[in-house]
């Protein structure tokens, strides 16, 4: 029941952030077949992390993401990816670290090769939900084959 409540909150939270113009727009619909085709096309270009956009507006981003290997640590506190996010695991499994401190390899300053020191490590699989508040470090540390998830970001860029 808790997971269902979190999922419903995740999908209703962006609706609370719409402007009047966005709220009056027709609904967005993408079929599973279209999303999977887009995801496979994206995987041909970027196999480590493929994305199928569902709806990316000024205050929210909704995508299907598929990873076949670990990513690098991030904390979305500034820029166009700023905001809180919800990941609903559709398929596969992974180890995710949240919280803690982002650390960079010696001599590195960008996001590449960034990891997390400390934090909370959890194994996630189909049906699990991760809620990551804005600015919270998070990292897909290990991926078991592949992991596919619905990513919902909200409060993305309130300046636009």
Protein backbone atom coordinates (compact mmCIF):
# COMPACT_ATOMS: atom_id res chain seq x y z
CA UNK A 1 0.00 0.00 0.00
CA UNK A 2 2.88 2.34 0.82
CA UNK A 3 4.43 1.83 -2.65
CA UNK A 4 1.10 2.60 -4.29
CA UNK A 5 0.79 5.81 -2.25
CA UNK A 6 4.30 6.89 -3.24
CA UNK A 7 3.59 6.19 -6.90
CA UNK A 8 0.33 8.13 -6.80
CA UNK A 9 2.10 11.02 -5.07
CA UNK A 10 4.85 10.96 -7.68
CA UNK A 11 2.34 11.27 -10.50
CA UNK A 12 0.17 13.87 -8.80
CA UNK A 13 3.00 16.12 -7.58
CA UNK A 14 3.86 17.42 -11.09
CA UNK A 15 0.19 18.29 -11.64
CA UNK A 16 0.37 20.66 -8.69
CA UNK A 17 3.18 22.56 -10.44
CA UNK A 18 1.51 23.18 -13.81
CA UNK A 19 0.76 26.69 -14.99
CA UNK A 20 -2.77 27.34 -16.23
CA UNK A 21 -1.61 26.83 -19.85
CA UNK A 22 0.04 23.49 -19.08
CA UNK A 23 -2.97 22.28 -17.08
CA UNK A 24 -5.31 22.91 -20.03
CA UNK A 25 -3.10 21.00 -22.52
CA UNK A 26 -4.29 17.59 -23.68
CA UNK A 27 -2.88 14.54 -21.92
CA UNK A 28 0.31 12.91 -23.13
CA UNK A 29 0.01 9.30 -24.26
CA UNK A 30 2.85 7.02 -25.33
CA UNK A 31 2.24 3.36 -26.04
CA UNK A 32 4.52 0.72 -24.55
CA UNK A 33 5.57 -0.25 -28.08
CA UNK A 34 6.55 3.36 -28.94
CA UNK A 35 8.46 3.80 -25.68
CA UNK A 36 10.38 0.54 -26.12
CA UNK A 37 11.21 1.37 -29.75
CA UNK A 38 12.54 4.79 -28.67
CA UNK A 39 14.46 3.17 -25.81
CA UNK A 40 16.10 0.67 -28.19
CA UNK A 41 17.05 3.46 -30.64
CA UNK A 42 18.60 5.41 -27.76
CA UNK A 43 20.46 2.29 -26.58
CA UNK A 44 22.13 2.01 -30.00
CA UNK A 45 23.61 5.49 -29.50
CA UNK A 46 24.25 5.37 -25.74
CA UNK A 47 24.19 1.76 -24.52
CA UNK A 48 25.24 2.57 -20.94
CA UNK A 49 22.09 4.65 -20.34
CA UNK A 50 19.24 4.82 -22.83
CA UNK A 51 16.29 7.19 -22.43
CA UNK A 52 12.79 7.31 -23.88
CA UNK A 53 11.24 10.73 -23.13
CA UNK A 54 7.57 10.67 -22.23
CA UNK A 55 6.96 14.34 -21.42
CA UNK A 56 9.58 16.97 -20.59
CA UNK A 57 8.06 20.31 -19.65
CA UNK A 58 9.28 23.38 -17.79
CA UNK A 59 8.44 22.04 -14.31
CA UNK A 60 8.72 18.28 -14.75
CA UNK A 61 10.52 15.56 -16.68
CA UNK A 62 9.12 12.07 -17.25
CA UNK A 63 11.32 9.45 -18.95
CA UNK A 64 11.89 5.74 -19.18
CA UNK A 65 15.57 5.03 -18.45
CA UNK A 66 17.45 1.80 -19.08
CA UNK A 67 20.93 1.21 -17.69
CA UNK A 68 23.11 -1.77 -18.49
CA UNK A 69 26.04 -0.68 -16.34
CA UNK A 70 26.68 1.49 -13.28
CA UNK A 71 26.43 5.24 -13.63
CA UNK A 72 28.21 8.01 -11.82
CA UNK A 73 27.08 9.83 -8.71
CA UNK A 74 24.90 12.95 -9.11
CA UNK A 75 23.02 15.41 -6.94
CA UNK A 76 20.45 17.42 -8.91
CA UNK A 77 20.56 20.71 -7.03
CA UNK A 78 21.24 23.16 -9.89
CA UNK A 79 20.86 23.38 -13.64
CA UNK A 80 18.21 21.93 -15.96
CA UNK A 81 18.17 18.59 -14.13
CA UNK A 82 17.51 20.27 -10.77
CA UNK A 83 14.68 18.84 -8.74
CA UNK A 84 13.35 15.92 -6.77
CA UNK A 85 12.90 12.64 -8.57
CA UNK A 86 11.09 9.36 -8.27
CA UNK A 87 12.37 6.13 -9.84
CA UNK A 88 9.88 3.28 -10.23
CA UNK A 89 11.73 0.11 -11.19
CA UNK A 90 9.96 -1.46 -14.18
CA UNK A 91 12.36 -4.31 -14.82
CA UNK A 92 15.74 -5.65 -13.70
CA UNK A 93 17.72 -4.99 -10.56
CA UNK A 94 20.50 -2.75 -9.29
CA UNK A 95 22.31 -1.50 -6.22
CA UNK A 96 21.59 2.18 -5.53
CA UNK A 97 23.39 4.46 -3.08
CA UNK A 98 21.64 7.62 -1.81
CA UNK A 99 22.85 10.32 0.55
CA UNK A 100 26.46 10.52 1.66
CA UNK A 101 29.08 12.66 -0.07
CA UNK A 102 30.02 12.70 -3.74
CA UNK A 103 33.72 12.00 -4.22
CA UNK A 104 35.75 12.38 -7.39
CA UNK A 105 38.71 10.32 -8.54
CA UNK A 106 42.07 12.03 -7.99
CA UNK A 107 42.47 14.91 -10.42
CA UNK A 108 38.86 14.73 -11.65
CA UNK A 109 36.37 17.56 -11.24
CA UNK A 110 33.44 16.57 -13.47
CA UNK A 111 30.74 14.00 -12.90
CA UNK A 112 32.56 11.20 -14.72
CA UNK A 113 33.88 8.59 -12.28
CA UNK A 114 32.16 10.30 -9.32
CA UNK A 115 31.09 7.92 -6.55
CA UNK A 116 29.50 8.28 -3.12
CA UNK A 117 31.21 7.89 0.21
CA UNK A 118 28.89 6.88 3.01
CA UNK A 119 25.22 7.06 2.20
CA UNK A 120 22.64 4.29 2.24
CA UNK A 121 23.01 1.29 -0.06
CA UNK A 122 19.93 -0.63 -1.21
CA UNK A 123 19.20 -3.42 -3.64
CA UNK A 124 16.24 -2.49 -5.88
CA UNK A 125 14.22 -4.62 -8.27
CA UNK A 126 10.96 -4.65 -10.23
CA UNK A 127 8.20 -2.82 -8.37
CA UNK A 128 10.47 -0.89 -5.99
CA UNK A 129 10.34 2.90 -5.70
CA UNK A 130 13.14 5.35 -4.90
CA UNK A 131 12.29 8.94 -3.95
CA UNK A 132 15.33 11.24 -4.22
CA UNK A 133 14.85 14.76 -2.81
CA UNK A 134 16.48 17.61 -4.76
CA UNK A 135 20.19 17.90 -4.06
CA UNK A 136 20.51 14.37 -2.61
CA UNK A 137 23.48 12.43 -3.98
CA UNK A 138 22.42 9.22 -5.73
CA UNK A 139 24.25 6.59 -7.72
CA UNK A 140 23.44 3.35 -9.51
CA UNK A 141 26.53 1.60 -8.14
CA UNK A 142 25.92 -1.84 -9.66
CA UNK A 143 23.50 -3.17 -12.29
CA UNK A 144 22.48 -6.82 -12.58
CA UNK A 145 22.22 -7.26 -16.34
CA UNK A 146 20.09 -4.17 -16.84
CA UNK A 147 17.63 -2.03 -14.92
CA UNK A 148 14.76 -0.07 -16.45
CA UNK A 149 12.84 2.55 -14.53
CA UNK A 150 10.27 5.29 -14.88
CA UNK A 151 11.95 8.54 -13.86
CA UNK A 152 9.73 11.43 -12.77
CA UNK A 153 11.45 14.73 -11.90
CA UNK A 154 9.53 17.69 -10.59
CA UNK A 155 10.42 21.27 -9.53
CA UNK A 156 12.86 20.99 -12.43
CA UNK A 157 13.40 24.57 -13.53
CA UNK A 158 11.01 26.98 -11.90
CA UNK A 159 12.83 29.99 -13.38
CA UNK A 160 11.33 29.35 -16.85
